[in-house]
PDB file of N, CA and C in Angstrom:
ATOM      1  N   MET A   1       5.212 -20.304  -8.840  1.00  0.00           N
ATOM      2  CA  MET A   1       5.456 -19.242  -9.797  1.00  0.00           C
ATOM      3  C   MET A   1       4.263 -18.284  -9.879  1.00  0.00           C
ATOM      4  N   GLN A   2       3.049 -18.872  -9.831  1.00  0.00           N
ATOM      5  CA  GLN A   2       1.856 -18.025  -9.905  1.00  0.00           C
ATOM      6  C   GLN A   2       1.746 -17.118  -8.679  1.00  0.00           C
ATOM      7  N   VAL A   3       2.139 -17.651  -7.532  1.00  0.00           N
ATOM      8  CA  VAL A   3       2.061 -16.863  -6.299  1.00  0.00           C
ATOM      9  C   VAL A   3       3.001 -15.668  -6.370  1.00  0.00           C
ATOM     10  N   ILE A   4       4.179 -15.868  -6.898  1.00  0.00           N
ATOM     11  CA  ILE A   4       5.159 -14.781  -6.993  1.00  0.00           C
ATOM     12  C   ILE A   4       4.665 -13.694  -7.939  1.00  0.00           C
ATOM     13  N   LEU A   5       4.193 -14.097  -9.110  1.00  0.00           N
ATOM     14  CA  LEU A   5       3.702 -13.106 -10.075  1.00  0.00           C
ATOM     15  C   LEU A   5       2.488 -12.353  -9.545  1.00  0.00           C
ATOM     16  N   THR A   6       1.557 -13.087  -8.944  1.00  0.00           N
ATOM     17  CA  THR A   6       0.368 -12.439  -8.386  1.00  0.00           C
ATOM     18  C   THR A   6       0.740 -11.468  -7.283  1.00  0.00           C
ATOM     19  N   SER A   7       1.665 -11.860  -6.442  1.00  0.00           N
ATOM     20  CA  SER A   7       2.092 -10.990  -5.348  1.00  0.00           C
ATOM     21  C   SER A   7       2.797  -9.739  -5.865  1.00  0.00           C
ATOM     22  N   ILE A   8       3.622  -9.906  -6.882  1.00  0.00           N
ATOM     23  CA  ILE A   8       4.335  -8.755  -7.444  1.00  0.00           C
ATOM     24  C   ILE A   8       3.359  -7.753  -8.050  1.00  0.00           C
ATOM     25  N   PHE A   9       2.410  -8.241  -8.834  1.00  0.00           N
ATOM     26  CA  PHE A   9       1.454  -7.324  -9.457  1.00  0.00           C
ATOM     27  C   PHE A   9       0.546  -6.664  -8.420  1.00  0.00           C
ATOM     28  N   SER A  10       0.156  -7.404  -7.404  1.00  0.00           N
ATOM     29  CA  SER A  10      -0.655  -6.813  -6.339  1.00  0.00           C
ATOM     30  C   SER A  10       0.141  -5.776  -5.553  1.00  0.00           C
ATOM     31  N   ALA A  11       1.412  -6.058  -5.301  1.00  0.00           N
ATOM     32  CA  ALA A  11       2.258  -5.100  -4.592  1.00  0.00           C
ATOM     33  C   ALA A  11       2.436  -3.820  -5.408  1.00  0.00           C
ATOM     34  N   ILE A  12       2.561  -3.962  -6.719  1.00  0.00           N
ATOM     35  CA  ILE A  12       2.672  -2.774  -7.585  1.00  0.00           C
ATOM     36  C   ILE A  12       1.415  -1.926  -7.468  1.00  0.00           C
ATOM     37  N   ILE A  13       0.250  -2.560  -7.482  1.00  0.00           N
ATOM     38  CA  ILE A  13      -1.010  -1.823  -7.355  1.00  0.00           C
ATOM     39  C   ILE A  13      -1.087  -1.136  -5.992  1.00  0.00           C
ATOM     40  N   ILE A  14      -0.670  -1.808  -4.945  1.00  0.00           N
ATOM     41  CA  ILE A  14      -0.695  -1.217  -3.603  1.00  0.00           C
ATOM     42  C   ILE A  14       0.247  -0.021  -3.522  1.00  0.00           C
ATOM     43  N   PHE A  15       1.461  -0.153  -4.066  1.00  0.00           N
ATOM     44  CA  PHE A  15       2.408   0.956  -4.004  1.00  0.00           C
ATOM     45  C   PHE A  15       1.959   2.139  -4.849  1.00  0.00           C
ATOM     46  N   ILE A  16       1.303   1.898  -5.965  1.00  0.00           N
ATOM     47  CA  ILE A  16       0.764   3.002  -6.762  1.00  0.00           C
ATOM     48  C   ILE A  16      -0.328   3.718  -5.971  1.00  0.00           C
ATOM     49  N   THR A  17      -1.160   2.950  -5.271  1.00  0.00           N
ATOM     50  CA  THR A  17      -2.215   3.547  -4.452  1.00  0.00           C
ATOM     51  C   THR A  17      -1.632   4.374  -3.317  1.00  0.00           C
ATOM     52  N   VAL A  18      -0.623   3.842  -2.640  1.00  0.00           N
ATOM     53  CA  VAL A  18       0.017   4.577  -1.544  1.00  0.00           C
ATOM     54  C   VAL A  18       0.672   5.852  -2.080  1.00  0.00           C
ATOM     55  N   PHE A  19       1.344   5.751  -3.214  1.00  0.00           N
ATOM     56  CA  PHE A  19       1.978   6.936  -3.798  1.00  0.00           C
ATOM     57  C   PHE A  19       0.939   8.002  -4.131  1.00  0.00           C
ATOM     58  N   SER A  20      -0.208   7.580  -4.669  1.00  0.00           N
ATOM     59  CA  SER A  20      -1.268   8.532  -4.999  1.00  0.00           C
ATOM     60  C   SER A  20      -1.834   9.192  -3.748  1.00  0.00           C
ATOM     61  N   MET A  21      -2.003   8.416  -2.682  1.00  0.00           N
ATOM     62  CA  MET A  21      -2.523   8.992  -1.445  1.00  0.00           C
ATOM     63  C   MET A  21      -1.534   9.983  -0.836  1.00  0.00           C
ATOM     64  N   VAL A  22      -0.250   9.684  -0.911  1.00  0.00           N
ATOM     65  CA  VAL A  22       0.764  10.618  -0.406  1.00  0.00           C
ATOM     66  C   VAL A  22       0.765  11.888  -1.251  1.00  0.00           C
ATOM     67  N   LYS A  23       0.544  11.743  -2.535  1.00  0.00           N
ATOM     68  CA  LYS A  23       0.466  12.913  -3.415  1.00  0.00           C
ATOM     69  C   LYS A  23      -0.737  13.792  -3.049  1.00  0.00           C
ATOM     70  N   VAL A  24      -1.867  13.166  -2.750  1.00  0.00           N
ATOM     71  CA  VAL A  24      -3.056  13.907  -2.325  1.00  0.00           C
ATOM     72  C   VAL A  24      -2.792  14.625  -1.005  1.00  0.00           C
ATOM     73  N   LEU A  25      -2.137  13.941  -0.069  1.00  0.00           N
ATOM     74  CA  LEU A  25      -1.802  14.580   1.201  1.00  0.00           C
ATOM     75  C   LEU A  25      -0.848  15.750   1.005  1.00  0.00           C
ATOM     76  N   SER A  26       0.075  15.616   0.075  1.00  0.00           N
ATOM     77  CA  SER A  26       1.014  16.696  -0.207  1.00  0.00           C
ATOM     78  C   SER A  26       0.285  17.928  -0.745  1.00  0.00           C
ATOM     79  N   ILE A  27      -0.663  17.700  -1.625  1.00  0.00           N
ATOM     80  CA  ILE A  27      -1.444  18.811  -2.171  1.00  0.00           C
ATOM     81  C   ILE A  27      -2.259  19.474  -1.063  1.00  0.00           C
ATOM     82  N   ALA A  28      -2.877  18.656  -0.202  1.00  0.00           N
ATOM     83  CA  ALA A  28      -3.664  19.207   0.910  1.00  0.00           C
ATOM     84  C   ALA A  28      -2.780  19.992   1.872  1.00  0.00           C
ATOM     85  N   TYR A  29      -1.565  19.520   2.099  1.00  0.00           N
ATOM     86  CA  TYR A  29      -0.654  20.232   2.995  1.00  0.00           C
ATOM     87  C   TYR A  29      -0.214  21.564   2.385  1.00  0.00           C
ATOM     88  N   LYS A  30       0.057  21.574   1.095  1.00  0.00           N
ATOM     89  CA  LYS A  30       0.471  22.809   0.438  1.00  0.00           C
ATOM     90  C   LYS A  30      -0.648  23.844   0.442  1.00  0.00           C
ATOM     91  N   ARG A  31      -1.894  23.400   0.408  1.00  0.00           N
ATOM     92  CA  ARG A  31      -3.037  24.312   0.450  1.00  0.00           C
ATOM     93  C   ARG A  31      -3.429  24.680   1.883  1.00  0.00           C
ATOM     94  N   LYS A  32      -2.650  24.205   2.840  1.00  0.00           N
ATOM     95  CA  LYS A  32      -2.886  24.470   4.271  1.00  0.00           C
ATOM     96  C   LYS A  32      -4.225  23.895   4.755  1.00  0.00           C
ATOM     97  N   GLU A  33      -4.668  22.780   4.151  1.00  0.00           N
ATOM     98  CA  GLU A  33      -5.898  22.128   4.576  1.00  0.00           C
ATOM     99  C   GLU A  33      -5.649  21.135   5.713  1.00  0.00           C
ATOM    100  N   ILE A  34      -4.415  20.643   5.831  1.00  0.00           N
ATOM    101  CA  ILE A  34      -4.054  19.773   6.948  1.00  0.00           C
ATOM    102  C   ILE A  34      -2.761  20.306   7.569  1.00  0.00           C
ATOM    103  N   SER A  35      -2.570  19.987   8.835  1.00  0.00           N
ATOM    104  CA  SER A  35      -1.383  20.474   9.537  1.00  0.00           C
ATOM    105  C   SER A  35      -0.176  19.603   9.207  1.00  0.00           C
ATOM    106  N   ASN A  36       0.990  20.094   9.603  1.00  0.00           N
ATOM    107  CA  ASN A  36       2.230  19.365   9.371  1.00  0.00           C
ATOM    108  C   ASN A  36       2.232  18.035  10.122  1.00  0.00           C
ATOM    109  N   LEU A  37       1.752  18.035  11.357  1.00  0.00           N
ATOM    110  CA  LEU A  37       1.702  16.815  12.152  1.00  0.00           C
ATOM    111  C   LEU A  37       0.775  15.779  11.518  1.00  0.00           C
ATOM    112  N   LYS A  38      -0.405  16.221  11.085  1.00  0.00           N
ATOM    113  CA  LYS A  38      -1.348  15.301  10.462  1.00  0.00           C
ATOM    114  C   LYS A  38      -0.776  14.758   9.151  1.00  0.00           C
ATOM    115  N   TYR A  39      -0.079  15.594   8.399  1.00  0.00           N
ATOM    116  CA  TYR A  39       0.552  15.169   7.146  1.00  0.00           C
ATOM    117  C   TYR A  39       1.580  14.076   7.414  1.00  0.00           C
ATOM    118  N   ARG A  40       2.417  14.275   8.405  1.00  0.00           N
ATOM    119  CA  ARG A  40       3.456  13.287   8.735  1.00  0.00           C
ATOM    120  C   ARG A  40       2.857  11.975   9.215  1.00  0.00           C
ATOM    121  N   ILE A  41       1.873  12.075  10.095  1.00  0.00           N
ATOM    122  CA  ILE A  41       1.265  10.865  10.647  1.00  0.00           C
ATOM    123  C   ILE A  41       0.555  10.069   9.559  1.00  0.00           C
ATOM    124  N   LEU A  42      -0.227  10.731   8.743  1.00  0.00           N
ATOM    125  CA  LEU A  42      -0.964  10.029   7.686  1.00  0.00           C
ATOM    126  C   LEU A  42      -0.031   9.448   6.630  1.00  0.00           C
ATOM    127  N   THR A  43       1.008  10.191   6.261  1.00  0.00           N
ATOM    128  CA  THR A  43       1.967   9.684   5.276  1.00  0.00           C
ATOM    129  C   THR A  43       2.672   8.446   5.809  1.00  0.00           C
ATOM    130  N   ALA A  44       3.135   8.507   7.037  1.00  0.00           N
ATOM    131  CA  ALA A  44       3.819   7.356   7.633  1.00  0.00           C
ATOM    132  C   ALA A  44       2.888   6.156   7.766  1.00  0.00           C
ATOM    133  N   SER A  45       1.639   6.413   8.151  1.00  0.00           N
ATOM    134  CA  SER A  45       0.707   5.297   8.320  1.00  0.00           C
ATOM    135  C   SER A  45       0.336   4.665   6.983  1.00  0.00           C
ATOM    136  N   PHE A  46       0.161   5.469   5.931  1.00  0.00           N
ATOM    137  CA  PHE A  46      -0.137   4.908   4.609  1.00  0.00           C
ATOM    138  C   PHE A  46       1.020   4.035   4.122  1.00  0.00           C
ATOM    139  N   ILE A  47       2.230   4.516   4.291  1.00  0.00           N
ATOM    140  CA  ILE A  47       3.401   3.754   3.842  1.00  0.00           C
ATOM    141  C   ILE A  47       3.536   2.470   4.657  1.00  0.00           C
ATOM    142  N   LEU A  48       3.373   2.553   5.961  1.00  0.00           N
ATOM    143  CA  LEU A  48       3.497   1.385   6.820  1.00  0.00           C
ATOM    144  C   LEU A  48       2.439   0.331   6.505  1.00  0.00           C
ATOM    145  N   VAL A  49       1.200   0.752   6.368  1.00  0.00           N
ATOM    146  CA  VAL A  49       0.126  -0.196   6.065  1.00  0.00           C
ATOM    147  C   VAL A  49       0.312  -0.806   4.681  1.00  0.00           C
ATOM    148  N   GLY A  50       0.739  -0.015   3.709  1.00  0.00           N
ATOM    149  CA  GLY A  50       0.989  -0.541   2.368  1.00  0.00           C
ATOM    150  C   GLY A  50       2.079  -1.594   2.363  1.00  0.00           C
ATOM    151  N   MET A  51       3.154  -1.338   3.093  1.00  0.00           N
ATOM    152  CA  MET A  51       4.240  -2.320   3.168  1.00  0.00           C
ATOM    153  C   MET A  51       3.799  -3.581   3.918  1.00  0.00           C
ATOM    154  N   LEU A  52       3.009  -3.409   4.962  1.00  0.00           N
ATOM    155  CA  LEU A  52       2.518  -4.550   5.719  1.00  0.00           C
ATOM    156  C   LEU A  52       1.622  -5.437   4.854  1.00  0.00           C
ATOM    157  N   ILE A  53       0.705  -4.844   4.137  1.00  0.00           N
ATOM    158  CA  ILE A  53      -0.184  -5.609   3.269  1.00  0.00           C
ATOM    159  C   ILE A  53       0.597  -6.293   2.160  1.00  0.00           C
ATOM    160  N   ALA A  54       1.537  -5.579   1.561  1.00  0.00           N
ATOM    161  CA  ALA A  54       2.324  -6.166   0.472  1.00  0.00           C
ATOM    162  C   ALA A  54       3.192  -7.318   0.961  1.00  0.00           C
ATOM    163  N   SER A  55       3.628  -7.282   2.211  1.00  0.00           N
ATOM    164  CA  SER A  55       4.448  -8.379   2.721  1.00  0.00           C
ATOM    165  C   SER A  55       3.613  -9.590   3.135  1.00  0.00           C
ATOM    166  N   ILE A  56       2.343  -9.399   3.457  1.00  0.00           N
ATOM    167  CA  ILE A  56       1.467 -10.497   3.854  1.00  0.00           C
ATOM    168  C   ILE A  56       0.832 -11.184   2.638  1.00  0.00           C
ATOM    169  N   LEU A  57       0.735 -10.486   1.530  1.00  0.00           N
ATOM    170  CA  LEU A  57       0.062 -11.028   0.345  1.00  0.00           C
ATOM    171  C   LEU A  57       0.542 -12.404  -0.109  1.00  0.00           C
ATOM    172  N   PRO A  58       1.832 -12.669  -0.193  1.00  0.00           N
ATOM    173  CA  PRO A  58       2.247 -13.992  -0.686  1.00  0.00           C
ATOM    174  C   PRO A  58       1.689 -15.157   0.136  1.00  0.00           C
ATOM    175  N   PHE A  59       1.580 -14.984   1.440  1.00  0.00           N
ATOM    176  CA  PHE A  59       1.042 -16.056   2.282  1.00  0.00           C
ATOM    177  C   PHE A  59      -0.445 -16.283   2.008  1.00  0.00           C
ATOM    178  N   GLY A  60      -1.178 -15.205   1.830  1.00  0.00           N
ATOM    179  CA  GLY A  60      -2.597 -15.329   1.503  1.00  0.00           C
ATOM    180  C   GLY A  60      -2.822 -15.951   0.138  1.00  0.00           C
ATOM    181  N   TYR A  61      -2.032 -15.524  -0.834  1.00  0.00           N
ATOM    182  CA  TYR A  61      -2.171 -16.098  -2.172  1.00  0.00           C
ATOM    183  C   TYR A  61      -1.764 -17.564  -2.191  1.00  0.00           C
ATOM    184  N   GLN A  62      -0.786 -17.940  -1.395  1.00  0.00           N
ATOM    185  CA  GLN A  62      -0.367 -19.344  -1.316  1.00  0.00           C
ATOM    186  C   GLN A  62      -1.523 -20.213  -0.816  1.00  0.00           C
ATOM    187  N   LYS A  63      -2.228 -19.730   0.210  1.00  0.00           N
ATOM    188  CA  LYS A  63      -3.368 -20.465   0.741  1.00  0.00           C
ATOM    189  C   LYS A  63      -4.487 -20.584  -0.301  1.00  0.00           C
ATOM    190  N   VAL A  64      -4.731 -19.499  -1.030  1.00  0.00           N
ATOM    191  CA  VAL A  64      -5.771 -19.515  -2.051  1.00  0.00           C
ATOM    192  C   VAL A  64      -5.426 -20.501  -3.163  1.00  0.00           C
ATOM    193  N   PHE A  65      -4.172 -20.510  -3.618  1.00  0.00           N
ATOM    194  CA  PHE A  65      -3.770 -21.425  -4.674  1.00  0.00           C
ATOM    195  C   PHE A  65      -3.775 -22.878  -4.194  1.00  0.00           C
ATOM    196  N   GLU A  66      -3.503 -23.104  -2.917  1.00  0.00           N
ATOM    197  CA  GLU A  66      -3.597 -24.460  -2.371  1.00  0.00           C
ATOM    198  C   GLU A  66      -5.036 -24.938  -2.363  1.00  0.00           C
ATOM    199  N   ILE A  67      -5.971 -24.061  -2.048  1.00  0.00           N
ATOM    200  CA  ILE A  67      -7.383 -24.432  -2.025  1.00  0.00           C
ATOM    201  C   ILE A  67      -7.883 -24.720  -3.437  1.00  0.00           C
ATOM    202  N   ILE A  68      -7.446 -23.928  -4.396  1.00  0.00           N
ATOM    203  CA  ILE A  68      -7.892 -24.094  -5.785  1.00  0.00           C
ATOM    204  C   ILE A  68      -7.378 -25.406  -6.374  1.00  0.00           C
ATOM    205  N   THR A  69      -6.126 -25.738  -6.117  1.00  0.00           N
ATOM    206  CA  THR A  69      -5.561 -26.939  -6.745  1.00  0.00           C
ATOM    207  C   THR A  69      -5.688 -28.171  -5.895  1.00  0.00           C
TER     208      THR A  69
END
């Protein structure tokens, strides 16, 4: 139960961070500070890495809780 709750809260923090970074990229793109290609690549990579980390978290937390108990 602790692993599930910890993973959910960590995933929420990761998704908020990814959303904020995409928002920053959107502002930079609107100001013409980055190109369309760079905007697409960075947005896709932030989303992909965020999802990858959020999906791996439960396994890492499971190992940590096994070591603690």
